[in-house]
Amino acid sequence: MEGTHYWHHLLAVYLFLGGLAGACFYTGALFELFGGSRMKRVAKIGSFCVLPIIIVSLIILVLDLARPLYFWHFIITIEPTSLMSHGTWLLTLFSIVGGVIVPAFFLSEEEKTKNLPVIKNLAGKDNIRKIFSVIGVILGFLVAGYTGVLLAVTTVPLWSTVNWLPVVFLASASSTGLALILLILSLSKKKDELSMGLLEKADSIVIVIEILAFAILLITLNAAGGRAAEAASVLLSGAYAIPFWIGIVAIGLVIPLTIELKGLTSKEAHGKGTGMAAIASILVLLGGFMVRWVFLYGGQVVR
C-alpha cells in the first residue's frame, strides 16, 4: 500500500547533518584519546567541523517545521515525554561542548586567535580539554544515534519492526565523520599520511560493520513477515531499489571500501597521493546522505 510522504527531503538532510556533526567530533576525539598527541590534528579538525554543520542543520530543521517560530519552543522548554525536546536539548549541549568549548581550546594554539579574550586563558590546558572531549564523545554518540531513534520510535514497519535502524544510522554516521576528516586532510596543503592511513583503516572497518548491520536489518525484516517484509522489499526490489543498490550499496559502501582497501594494501596506490582517498570520502558522504533519504522516503511507502 502506498503511503503518503509526510516527512520530506529537508528532514533527510537534517538527519544526515546531525549524525555527521556528532561523528566528526567523536571519531576525531577518539583518535587523539587512543592515539596520543600525534592524532591531535585529527581531533582539531573534527571539532572545528561541528559548529558549522550544526548551524546548517538547525536552519534546515527550522525550514522544515510547519511553524518555523515554534522551534524556539523546543529551546526554552523541557518536555520529558517529547523525543523532539530530548533531541533539541541533546543537540544544544553537544553544540556547546563539541562546537564551542573544545574548539576554543584548540584556537588558543592558533597564531591568529591565541590572543583573543577568553581564548588566551585556555592555552596549555590540554588535560581540561580532554575532559570536555570525553563529555563531547558521549554527547556526540547520543546525537548520532538519536537520528535513528527518532524514526525507530514510530509505527512505520521499516523503521520500528526491529531495533537495528539506530545501529545502521550510527555506523553510517561514524563512516561519514571519518570520511569528512579524511577529505579535509587529503585536500590540505600539510599532508599527514599516518593519520590518513589510520582514518582509511578505521573507515574500512566501520563500512564492514555498516554492511553487516544493513544485512541483519533487512534479513530480520524479511523474517518478521507481513508488513515488515513488504517494507524491506521496497528497498530490495521495489520503488526504492535503484537508489538503495546504487546510492547506498555501490556508491556509499562497496566502491569506497574497495578504494580504501586498495590504498591500505597497495604501496603503489598509496604512493599516488591523496586523490583516491578524497574520492572515497566524497562517495561515503554521498552514500551517508542516501541512507537517510532512502530510509526516510522508502519507509513511508508501507505503513
C-alpha atoms as a PDB file:
ATOM      1  CA  MET A   1       0.000   0.000   0.000  1.00  0.00           C
ATOM      2  CA  GLU A   2       1.361   3.392  -0.978  1.00  0.00           C
ATOM      3  CA  GLY A   3       1.812   5.712   1.965  1.00  0.00           C
ATOM      4  CA  THR A   4       1.687   9.484   1.954  1.00  0.00           C
ATOM      5  CA  HIS A   5       5.095  11.071   2.398  1.00  0.00           C
ATOM      6  CA  TYR A   6       4.673  13.291   5.431  1.00  0.00           C
ATOM      7  CA  TRP A   7       8.436  13.666   6.030  1.00  0.00           C
ATOM      8  CA  HIS A   8      10.438  15.093   3.154  1.00  0.00           C
ATOM      9  CA  HIS A   9      13.953  15.782   1.910  1.00  0.00           C
ATOM     10  CA  LEU A  10      14.771  18.575   4.375  1.00  0.00           C
ATOM     11  CA  LEU A  11      14.388  16.129   7.250  1.00  0.00           C
ATOM     12  CA  ALA A  12      16.714  13.700   5.444  1.00  0.00           C
ATOM     13  CA  VAL A  13      19.321  16.483   5.256  1.00  0.00           C
ATOM     14  CA  TYR A  14      18.813  17.257   8.960  1.00  0.00           C
ATOM     15  CA  LEU A  15      19.209  13.601   9.959  1.00  0.00           C
ATOM     16  CA  PHE A  16      22.364  13.350   7.844  1.00  0.00           C
ATOM     17  CA  LEU A  17      23.955  16.537   9.189  1.00  0.00           C
ATOM     18  CA  GLY A  18      23.080  15.723  12.809  1.00  0.00           C
ATOM     19  CA  GLY A  19      24.794  12.354  12.567  1.00  0.00           C
ATOM     20  CA  LEU A  20      27.733  13.856  10.686  1.00  0.00           C
ATOM     21  CA  ALA A  21      28.339  16.545  13.326  1.00  0.00           C
ATOM     22  CA  GLY A  22      28.270  14.046  16.183  1.00  0.00           C
ATOM     23  CA  ALA A  23      30.520  11.600  14.362  1.00  0.00           C
ATOM     24  CA  CYS A  24      33.076  14.214  13.278  1.00  0.00           C
ATOM     25  CA  PHE A  25      33.606  15.066  16.914  1.00  0.00           C
ATOM     26  CA  TYR A  26      33.705  11.619  18.486  1.00  0.00           C
ATOM     27  CA  THR A  27      35.795   9.983  15.770  1.00  0.00           C
ATOM     28  CA  GLY A  28      38.348  12.809  15.898  1.00  0.00           C
ATOM     29  CA  ALA A  29      38.415  12.904  19.689  1.00  0.00           C
ATOM     30  CA  LEU A  30      38.755   9.113  19.984  1.00  0.00           C
ATOM     31  CA  PHE A  31      41.691   9.186  17.571  1.00  0.00           C
ATOM     32  CA  GLU A  32      43.533  11.557  19.903  1.00  0.00           C
ATOM     33  CA  LEU A  33      42.424   9.889  23.139  1.00  0.00           C
ATOM     34  CA  PHE A  34      43.722   6.494  21.951  1.00  0.00           C
ATOM     35  CA  GLY A  35      46.405   7.628  19.509  1.00  0.00           C
ATOM     36  CA  GLY A  36      48.093  10.318  21.563  1.00  0.00           C
ATOM     37  CA  SER A  37      49.347  13.741  20.575  1.00  0.00           C
ATOM     38  CA  ARG A  38      50.211  12.549  17.064  1.00  0.00           C
ATOM     39  CA  MET A  39      46.465  12.441  16.367  1.00  0.00           C
ATOM     40  CA  LYS A  40      45.751  15.877  17.818  1.00  0.00           C
ATOM     41  CA  ARG A  41      45.256  17.403  14.391  1.00  0.00           C
ATOM     42  CA  VAL A  42      42.547  14.850  13.633  1.00  0.00           C
ATOM     43  CA  ALA A  43      40.699  15.829  16.825  1.00  0.00           C
ATOM     44  CA  LYS A  44      41.086  19.510  15.985  1.00  0.00           C
ATOM     45  CA  ILE A  45      39.625  19.095  12.507  1.00  0.00           C
ATOM     46  CA  GLY A  46      36.749  17.027  13.874  1.00  0.00           C
ATOM     47  CA  SER A  47      35.863  19.639  16.488  1.00  0.00           C
ATOM     48  CA  PHE A  48      36.088  22.530  14.017  1.00  0.00           C
ATOM     49  CA  CYS A  49      33.561  20.763  11.781  1.00  0.00           C
ATOM     50  CA  VAL A  50      30.886  20.603  14.473  1.00  0.00           C
ATOM     51  CA  LEU A  51      29.541  24.154  14.771  1.00  0.00           C
ATOM     52  CA  PRO A  52      29.184  24.937  11.026  1.00  0.00           C
ATOM     53  CA  ILE A  53      27.374  21.628  10.465  1.00  0.00           C
ATOM     54  CA  ILE A  54      25.102  22.171  13.476  1.00  0.00           C
ATOM     55  CA  ILE A  55      24.202  25.685  12.323  1.00  0.00           C
ATOM     56  CA  VAL A  56      23.250  24.426   8.862  1.00  0.00           C
ATOM     57  CA  SER A  57      21.271  21.504  10.336  1.00  0.00           C
ATOM     58  CA  LEU A  58      19.307  23.850  12.631  1.00  0.00           C
ATOM     59  CA  ILE A  59      18.489  26.124   9.691  1.00  0.00           C
ATOM     60  CA  ILE A  60      17.249  23.051   7.816  1.00  0.00           C
ATOM     61  CA  LEU A  61      15.177  21.944  10.823  1.00  0.00           C
ATOM     62  CA  VAL A  62      13.564  25.381  11.194  1.00  0.00           C
ATOM     63  CA  LEU A  63      12.727  25.491   7.490  1.00  0.00           C
ATOM     64  CA  ASP A  64      11.162  22.025   7.715  1.00  0.00           C
ATOM     65  CA  LEU A  65       8.819  22.964  10.560  1.00  0.00           C
ATOM     66  CA  ALA A  66       5.269  23.875   9.569  1.00  0.00           C
ATOM     67  CA  ARG A  67       5.593  26.770  12.026  1.00  0.00           C
ATOM     68  CA  PRO A  68       9.280  27.824  11.992  1.00  0.00           C
ATOM     69  CA  LEU A  69       8.950  30.131  15.004  1.00  0.00           C
ATOM     70  CA  TYR A  70       7.799  27.103  17.031  1.00  0.00           C
ATOM     71  CA  PHE A  71      11.441  25.966  17.058  1.00  0.00           C
ATOM     72  CA  TRP A  72      12.129  28.299  19.979  1.00  0.00           C
ATOM     73  CA  HIS A  73       9.561  26.367  21.982  1.00  0.00           C
ATOM     74  CA  PHE A  74      11.926  23.383  21.963  1.00  0.00           C
ATOM     75  CA  ILE A  75      14.856  25.550  23.059  1.00  0.00           C
ATOM     76  CA  ILE A  76      13.214  27.206  26.052  1.00  0.00           C
ATOM     77  CA  THR A  77      11.119  24.282  27.345  1.00  0.00           C
ATOM     78  CA  ILE A  78      11.785  20.740  28.512  1.00  0.00           C
ATOM     79  CA  GLU A  79       9.092  18.165  27.790  1.00  0.00           C
ATOM     80  CA  PRO A  80      10.008  14.813  29.421  1.00  0.00           C
ATOM     81  CA  THR A  81       7.705  12.840  27.099  1.00  0.00           C
ATOM     82  CA  SER A  82       8.785  14.560  23.857  1.00  0.00           C
ATOM     83  CA  LEU A  83      11.562  12.909  21.853  1.00  0.00           C
ATOM     84  CA  MET A  84      11.956  16.109  19.834  1.00  0.00           C
ATOM     85  CA  SER A  85      12.507  18.044  23.075  1.00  0.00           C
ATOM     86  CA  HIS A  86      15.111  15.479  24.186  1.00  0.00           C
ATOM     87  CA  GLY A  87      16.853  15.737  20.845  1.00  0.00           C
ATOM     88  CA  THR A  88      16.865  19.538  20.840  1.00  0.00           C
ATOM     89  CA  TRP A  89      18.437  19.740  24.284  1.00  0.00           C
ATOM     90  CA  LEU A  90      20.899  16.976  23.463  1.00  0.00           C
ATOM     91  CA  LEU A  91      21.926  18.841  20.313  1.00  0.00           C
ATOM     92  CA  THR A  92      22.199  22.080  22.315  1.00  0.00           C
ATOM     93  CA  LEU A  93      24.501  20.527  24.935  1.00  0.00           C
ATOM     94  CA  PHE A  94      26.602  18.865  22.254  1.00  0.00           C
ATOM     95  CA  SER A  95      26.890  22.141  20.326  1.00  0.00           C
ATOM     96  CA  ILE A  96      28.166  23.932  23.446  1.00  0.00           C
ATOM     97  CA  VAL A  97      30.717  21.263  24.364  1.00  0.00           C
ATOM     98  CA  GLY A  98      31.768  19.921  20.976  1.00  0.00           C
ATOM     99  CA  GLY A  99      31.178  23.006  18.872  1.00  0.00           C
ATOM    100  CA  VAL A 100      32.289  25.816  21.200  1.00  0.00           C
ATOM    101  CA  ILE A 101      34.250  24.765  24.291  1.00  0.00           C
ATOM    102  CA  VAL A 102      36.618  22.167  22.803  1.00  0.00           C
ATOM    103  CA  PRO A 103      37.339  24.201  19.634  1.00  0.00           C
ATOM    104  CA  ALA A 104      38.088  27.198  21.866  1.00  0.00           C
ATOM    105  CA  PHE A 105      40.939  25.240  23.446  1.00  0.00           C
ATOM    106  CA  PHE A 106      42.326  24.445  20.003  1.00  0.00           C
ATOM    107  CA  LEU A 107      42.009  28.098  18.958  1.00  0.00           C
ATOM    108  CA  SER A 108      44.265  29.034  21.877  1.00  0.00           C
ATOM    109  CA  GLU A 109      47.070  27.298  19.968  1.00  0.00           C
ATOM    110  CA  GLU A 110      46.467  29.074  16.666  1.00  0.00           C
ATOM    111  CA  GLU A 111      48.642  32.083  15.863  1.00  0.00           C
ATOM    112  CA  LYS A 112      45.757  34.240  14.652  1.00  0.00           C
ATOM    113  CA  THR A 113      43.413  33.538  17.560  1.00  0.00           C
ATOM    114  CA  LYS A 114      45.571  32.713  20.584  1.00  0.00           C
ATOM    115  CA  ASN A 115      45.479  36.275  21.950  1.00  0.00           C
ATOM    116  CA  LEU A 116      41.719  36.721  21.771  1.00  0.00           C
ATOM    117  CA  PRO A 117      39.867  37.410  25.044  1.00  0.00           C
ATOM    118  CA  VAL A 118      38.959  34.230  26.947  1.00  0.00           C
ATOM    119  CA  ILE A 119      40.733  32.116  24.308  1.00  0.00           C
ATOM    120  CA  LYS A 120      44.182  33.163  25.573  1.00  0.00           C
ATOM    121  CA  ASN A 121      43.334  31.803  29.034  1.00  0.00           C
ATOM    122  CA  LEU A 122      42.876  28.284  27.646  1.00  0.00           C
ATOM    123  CA  ALA A 123      46.383  27.800  26.269  1.00  0.00           C
ATOM    124  CA  GLY A 124      48.322  24.822  27.579  1.00  0.00           C
ATOM    125  CA  LYS A 125      45.332  23.247  29.323  1.00  0.00           C
ATOM    126  CA  ASP A 126      45.121  20.032  27.314  1.00  0.00           C
ATOM    127  CA  ASN A 127      44.059  17.933  30.292  1.00  0.00           C
ATOM    128  CA  ILE A 128      40.974  20.074  30.827  1.00  0.00           C
ATOM    129  CA  ARG A 129      40.243  19.997  27.094  1.00  0.00           C
ATOM    130  CA  LYS A 130      40.407  16.215  27.081  1.00  0.00           C
ATOM    131  CA  ILE A 131      37.857  16.048  29.903  1.00  0.00           C
ATOM    132  CA  PHE A 132      35.476  18.094  27.791  1.00  0.00           C
ATOM    133  CA  SER A 133      36.380  15.893  24.813  1.00  0.00           C
ATOM    134  CA  VAL A 134      35.235  12.791  26.700  1.00  0.00           C
ATOM    135  CA  ILE A 135      31.953  14.539  27.515  1.00  0.00           C
ATOM    136  CA  GLY A 136      31.667  15.568  23.873  1.00  0.00           C
ATOM    137  CA  VAL A 137      32.289  11.997  22.710  1.00  0.00           C
ATOM    138  CA  ILE A 138      29.378  10.758  24.832  1.00  0.00           C
ATOM    139  CA  LEU A 139      27.101  13.542  23.607  1.00  0.00           C
ATOM    140  CA  GLY A 140      28.266  13.013  20.020  1.00  0.00           C
ATOM    141  CA  PHE A 141      27.398   9.315  20.140  1.00  0.00           C
ATOM    142  CA  LEU A 142      23.971  10.158  21.535  1.00  0.00           C
ATOM    143  CA  VAL A 143      23.350  12.777  18.826  1.00  0.00           C
ATOM    144  CA  ALA A 144      24.396  10.386  16.043  1.00  0.00           C
ATOM    145  CA  GLY A 145      22.268   7.573  17.471  1.00  0.00           C
ATOM    146  CA  TYR A 146      19.311   9.866  18.131  1.00  0.00           C
ATOM    147  CA  THR A 147      18.784  10.413  14.416  1.00  0.00           C
ATOM    148  CA  GLY A 148      17.953   6.705  14.075  1.00  0.00           C
ATOM    149  CA  VAL A 149      15.933   6.523  17.301  1.00  0.00           C
ATOM    150  CA  LEU A 150      13.774   9.412  16.060  1.00  0.00           C
ATOM    151  CA  LEU A 151      12.487   7.137  13.296  1.00  0.00           C
ATOM    152  CA  ALA A 152      12.573   3.869  15.241  1.00  0.00           C
ATOM    153  CA  VAL A 153      10.018   5.010  17.833  1.00  0.00           C
ATOM    154  CA  THR A 154       7.320   5.421  15.163  1.00  0.00           C
ATOM    155  CA  THR A 155       4.936   2.695  13.994  1.00  0.00           C
ATOM    156  CA  VAL A 156       6.395   2.576  10.466  1.00  0.00           C
ATOM    157  CA  PRO A 157       7.394  -1.094   9.773  1.00  0.00           C
ATOM    158  CA  LEU A 158      10.727  -0.350   8.059  1.00  0.00           C
ATOM    159  CA  TRP A 159      11.855   1.812  10.953  1.00  0.00           C
ATOM    160  CA  SER A 160      10.379   0.162  14.018  1.00  0.00           C
ATOM    161  CA  THR A 161       9.838  -3.582  13.491  1.00  0.00           C
ATOM    162  CA  VAL A 162      13.384  -4.437  14.576  1.00  0.00           C
ATOM    163  CA  ASN A 163      15.877  -2.446  16.650  1.00  0.00           C
ATOM    164  CA  TRP A 164      18.669  -2.245  14.087  1.00  0.00           C
ATOM    165  CA  LEU A 165      17.918   1.088  12.416  1.00  0.00           C
ATOM    166  CA  PRO A 166      19.728   3.166  15.099  1.00  0.00           C
ATOM    167  CA  VAL A 167      22.714   0.812  14.704  1.00  0.00           C
ATOM    168  CA  VAL A 168      22.701   1.328  10.930  1.00  0.00           C
ATOM    169  CA  PHE A 169      22.448   5.105  11.345  1.00  0.00           C
ATOM    170  CA  LEU A 170      25.218   5.165  13.976  1.00  0.00           C
ATOM    171  CA  ALA A 171      27.551   3.104  11.786  1.00  0.00           C
ATOM    172  CA  SER A 172      26.729   5.268   8.776  1.00  0.00           C
ATOM    173  CA  ALA A 173      27.317   8.467  10.773  1.00  0.00           C
ATOM    174  CA  SER A 174      30.665   7.152  12.032  1.00  0.00           C
ATOM    175  CA  SER A 175      31.750   6.418   8.485  1.00  0.00           C
ATOM    176  CA  THR A 176      30.751   9.888   7.257  1.00  0.00           C
ATOM    177  CA  GLY A 177      32.557  11.535  10.189  1.00  0.00           C
ATOM    178  CA  LEU A 178      35.757   9.681   9.386  1.00  0.00           C
ATOM    179  CA  ALA A 179      35.282  10.462   5.694  1.00  0.00           C
ATOM    180  CA  LEU A 180      34.878  14.211   6.200  1.00  0.00           C
ATOM    181  CA  ILE A 181      38.013  14.437   8.345  1.00  0.00           C
ATOM    182  CA  LEU A 182      39.889  12.320   5.784  1.00  0.00           C
ATOM    183  CA  LEU A 183      38.628  14.549   2.965  1.00  0.00           C
ATOM    184  CA  ILE A 184      39.824  17.701   4.735  1.00  0.00           C
ATOM    185  CA  LEU A 185      43.242  16.154   5.390  1.00  0.00           C
ATOM    186  CA  SER A 186      43.557  14.955   1.802  1.00  0.00           C
ATOM    187  CA  LEU A 187      42.789  18.436   0.447  1.00  0.00           C
ATOM    188  CA  SER A 188      45.017  20.325   2.891  1.00  0.00           C
ATOM    189  CA  LYS A 189      48.482  21.545   1.950  1.00  0.00           C
ATOM    190  CA  LYS A 190      50.032  19.931   5.005  1.00  0.00           C
ATOM    191  CA  LYS A 191      49.755  16.194   4.380  1.00  0.00           C
ATOM    192  CA  ASP A 192      49.649  13.660   7.194  1.00  0.00           C
ATOM    193  CA  GLU A 193      49.962  10.191   5.698  1.00  0.00           C
ATOM    194  CA  LEU A 194      49.959   8.444   9.072  1.00  0.00           C
ATOM    195  CA  SER A 195      46.647   9.978  10.130  1.00  0.00           C
ATOM    196  CA  MET A 196      45.148   9.461   6.691  1.00  0.00           C
ATOM    197  CA  GLY A 197      46.155   5.819   6.637  1.00  0.00           C
ATOM    198  CA  LEU A 198      44.628   5.238  10.076  1.00  0.00           C
ATOM    199  CA  LEU A 199      41.453   7.055   9.068  1.00  0.00           C
ATOM    200  CA  GLU A 200      41.152   4.898   5.959  1.00  0.00           C
ATOM    201  CA  LYS A 201      41.681   1.763   8.025  1.00  0.00           C
ATOM    202  CA  ALA A 202      39.098   2.842  10.598  1.00  0.00           C
ATOM    203  CA  ASP A 203      36.576   3.757   7.915  1.00  0.00           C
ATOM    204  CA  SER A 204      37.010   0.441   6.109  1.00  0.00           C
ATOM    205  CA  ILE A 205      36.267  -1.373   9.387  1.00  0.00           C
ATOM    206  CA  VAL A 206      33.212   0.799  10.026  1.00  0.00           C
ATOM    207  CA  ILE A 207      31.930   0.216   6.482  1.00  0.00           C
ATOM    208  CA  VAL A 208      32.139  -3.550   7.025  1.00  0.00           C
ATOM    209  CA  ILE A 209      30.183  -3.117  10.282  1.00  0.00           C
ATOM    210  CA  GLU A 210      27.655  -0.986   8.416  1.00  0.00           C
ATOM    211  CA  ILE A 211      27.216  -3.659   5.734  1.00  0.00           C
ATOM    212  CA  LEU A 212      26.625  -6.284   8.427  1.00  0.00           C
ATOM    213  CA  ALA A 213      24.119  -4.010  10.188  1.00  0.00           C
ATOM    214  CA  PHE A 214      22.254  -3.489   6.905  1.00  0.00           C
ATOM    215  CA  ALA A 215      22.203  -7.235   6.262  1.00  0.00           C
ATOM    216  CA  ILE A 216      20.884  -8.030   9.756  1.00  0.00           C
ATOM    217  CA  LEU A 217      18.239  -5.307   9.496  1.00  0.00           C
ATOM    218  CA  LEU A 218      16.910  -6.493   6.146  1.00  0.00           C
ATOM    219  CA  ILE A 219      17.119 -10.207   6.999  1.00  0.00           C
ATOM    220  CA  THR A 220      15.201  -9.720  10.243  1.00  0.00           C
ATOM    221  CA  LEU A 221      12.593  -7.584   8.481  1.00  0.00           C
ATOM    222  CA  ASN A 222      12.043 -10.348   5.919  1.00  0.00           C
ATOM    223  CA  ALA A 223      11.931 -12.964   8.657  1.00  0.00           C
ATOM    224  CA  ALA A 224       9.274 -10.957  10.504  1.00  0.00           C
ATOM    225  CA  GLY A 225       6.952 -11.310   7.524  1.00  0.00           C
ATOM    226  CA  GLY A 226       3.834  -9.252   6.847  1.00  0.00           C
ATOM    227  CA  ARG A 227       4.220  -5.511   6.604  1.00  0.00           C
ATOM    228  CA  ALA A 228       7.848  -5.683   7.723  1.00  0.00           C
ATOM    229  CA  ALA A 229       8.807  -7.975   4.832  1.00  0.00           C
ATOM    230  CA  GLU A 230       6.828  -5.787   2.454  1.00  0.00           C
ATOM    231  CA  ALA A 231       8.729  -2.742   3.720  1.00  0.00           C
ATOM    232  CA  ALA A 232      12.080  -4.486   3.158  1.00  0.00           C
ATOM    233  CA  SER A 233      11.047  -5.398  -0.399  1.00  0.00           C
ATOM    234  CA  VAL A 234      10.515  -1.702  -1.142  1.00  0.00           C
ATOM    235  CA  LEU A 235      14.284  -1.272  -0.798  1.00  0.00           C
ATOM    236  CA  LEU A 236      15.454  -4.590  -2.182  1.00  0.00           C
ATOM    237  CA  SER A 237      13.289  -4.882  -5.280  1.00  0.00           C
ATOM    238  CA  GLY A 238      10.603  -2.221  -5.172  1.00  0.00           C
ATOM    239  CA  ALA A 239      10.219   1.505  -5.716  1.00  0.00           C
ATOM    240  CA  TYR A 240      13.469   2.414  -3.935  1.00  0.00           C
ATOM    241  CA  ALA A 241      15.625  -0.477  -5.117  1.00  0.00           C
ATOM    242  CA  ILE A 242      17.699   1.632  -7.532  1.00  0.00           C
ATOM    243  CA  PRO A 243      18.669   4.335  -5.007  1.00  0.00           C
ATOM    244  CA  PHE A 244      19.268   1.604  -2.399  1.00  0.00           C
ATOM    245  CA  TRP A 245      21.524  -0.623  -4.508  1.00  0.00           C
ATOM    246  CA  ILE A 246      23.278   2.176  -6.415  1.00  0.00           C
ATOM    247  CA  GLY A 247      23.173   5.102  -3.977  1.00  0.00           C
ATOM    248  CA  ILE A 248      23.797   3.207  -0.744  1.00  0.00           C
ATOM    249  CA  VAL A 249      25.355  -0.160  -1.533  1.00  0.00           C
ATOM    250  CA  ALA A 250      27.512   0.735  -4.542  1.00  0.00           C
ATOM    251  CA  ILE A 251      28.355   4.419  -4.051  1.00  0.00           C
ATOM    252  CA  GLY A 252      28.303   4.548  -0.263  1.00  0.00           C
ATOM    253  CA  LEU A 253      29.720   1.155   0.691  1.00  0.00           C
ATOM    254  CA  VAL A 254      31.314  -1.126  -1.895  1.00  0.00           C
ATOM    255  CA  ILE A 255      33.222   1.366  -4.055  1.00  0.00           C
ATOM    256  CA  PRO A 256      34.750   3.422  -1.193  1.00  0.00           C
ATOM    257  CA  LEU A 257      35.577   0.221   0.717  1.00  0.00           C
ATOM    258  CA  THR A 258      37.360  -1.127  -2.369  1.00  0.00           C
ATOM    259  CA  ILE A 259      39.300   2.120  -2.811  1.00  0.00           C
ATOM    260  CA  GLU A 260      40.309   2.242   0.854  1.00  0.00           C
ATOM    261  CA  LEU A 261      41.369  -1.396   0.982  1.00  0.00           C
ATOM    262  CA  LYS A 262      43.429  -0.959  -2.172  1.00  0.00           C
ATOM    263  CA  GLY A 263      45.073   2.120  -0.664  1.00  0.00           C
ATOM    264  CA  LEU A 264      45.891   0.205   2.510  1.00  0.00           C
ATOM    265  CA  THR A 265      47.246  -2.923   0.830  1.00  0.00           C
ATOM    266  CA  SER A 266      48.963  -1.493  -2.233  1.00  0.00           C
ATOM    267  CA  LYS A 267      52.102   0.593  -1.797  1.00  0.00           C
ATOM    268  CA  GLU A 268      51.762   1.717  -5.400  1.00  0.00           C
ATOM    269  CA  ALA A 269      48.215   3.013  -4.822  1.00  0.00           C
ATOM    270  CA  HIS A 270      49.225   4.689  -1.585  1.00  0.00           C
ATOM    271  CA  GLY A 271      52.134   6.398  -3.237  1.00  0.00           C
ATOM    272  CA  LYS A 272      49.996   8.063  -5.890  1.00  0.00           C
ATOM    273  CA  GLY A 273      48.881  10.712  -3.442  1.00  0.00           C
ATOM    274  CA  THR A 274      45.629  11.537  -1.761  1.00  0.00           C
ATOM    275  CA  GLY A 275      43.282  11.837  -4.725  1.00  0.00           C
ATOM    276  CA  MET A 276      41.718   8.402  -4.296  1.00  0.00           C
ATOM    277  CA  ALA A 277      41.238   8.997  -0.574  1.00  0.00           C
ATOM    278  CA  ALA A 278      39.337  12.173  -1.389  1.00  0.00           C
ATOM    279  CA  ILE A 279      37.169  10.344  -3.926  1.00  0.00           C
ATOM    280  CA  ALA A 280      36.381   7.570  -1.440  1.00  0.00           C
ATOM    281  CA  SER A 281      35.495  10.170   1.201  1.00  0.00           C
ATOM    282  CA  ILE A 282      33.120  12.014  -1.116  1.00  0.00           C
ATOM    283  CA  LEU A 283      31.422   8.739  -2.043  1.00  0.00           C
ATOM    284  CA  VAL A 284      30.994   7.832   1.638  1.00  0.00           C
ATOM    285  CA  LEU A 285      29.410  11.225   2.325  1.00  0.00           C
ATOM    286  CA  LEU A 286      27.042  10.846  -0.630  1.00  0.00           C
ATOM    287  CA  GLY A 287      26.170   7.342   0.488  1.00  0.00           C
ATOM    288  CA  GLY A 288      25.574   8.538   4.048  1.00  0.00           C
ATOM    289  CA  PHE A 289      23.014  11.043   2.839  1.00  0.00           C
ATOM    290  CA  MET A 290      21.373   8.400   0.660  1.00  0.00           C
ATOM    291  CA  VAL A 291      20.953   6.153   3.714  1.00  0.00           C
ATOM    292  CA  ARG A 292      18.784   8.824   5.347  1.00  0.00           C
ATOM    293  CA  TRP A 293      16.940   9.737   2.162  1.00  0.00           C
ATOM    294  CA  VAL A 294      16.150   6.157   1.112  1.00  0.00           C
ATOM    295  CA  PHE A 295      15.053   5.042   4.574  1.00  0.00           C
ATOM    296  CA  LEU A 296      13.027   8.206   5.154  1.00  0.00           C
ATOM    297  CA  TYR A 297      11.159   8.002   1.856  1.00  0.00           C
ATOM    298  CA  GLY A 298      11.146   4.226   1.464  1.00  0.00           C
ATOM    299  CA  GLY A 299       9.842   3.767   4.985  1.00  0.00           C
ATOM    300  CA  GLN A 300       6.767   5.866   4.223  1.00  0.00           C
ATOM    301  CA  VAL A 301       5.645   3.623   1.365  1.00  0.00           C
ATOM    302  CA  VAL A 302       4.437   0.827   3.660  1.00  0.00           C
ATOM    303  CA  ARG A 303       2.694   1.784   6.903  1.00  0.00           C
END
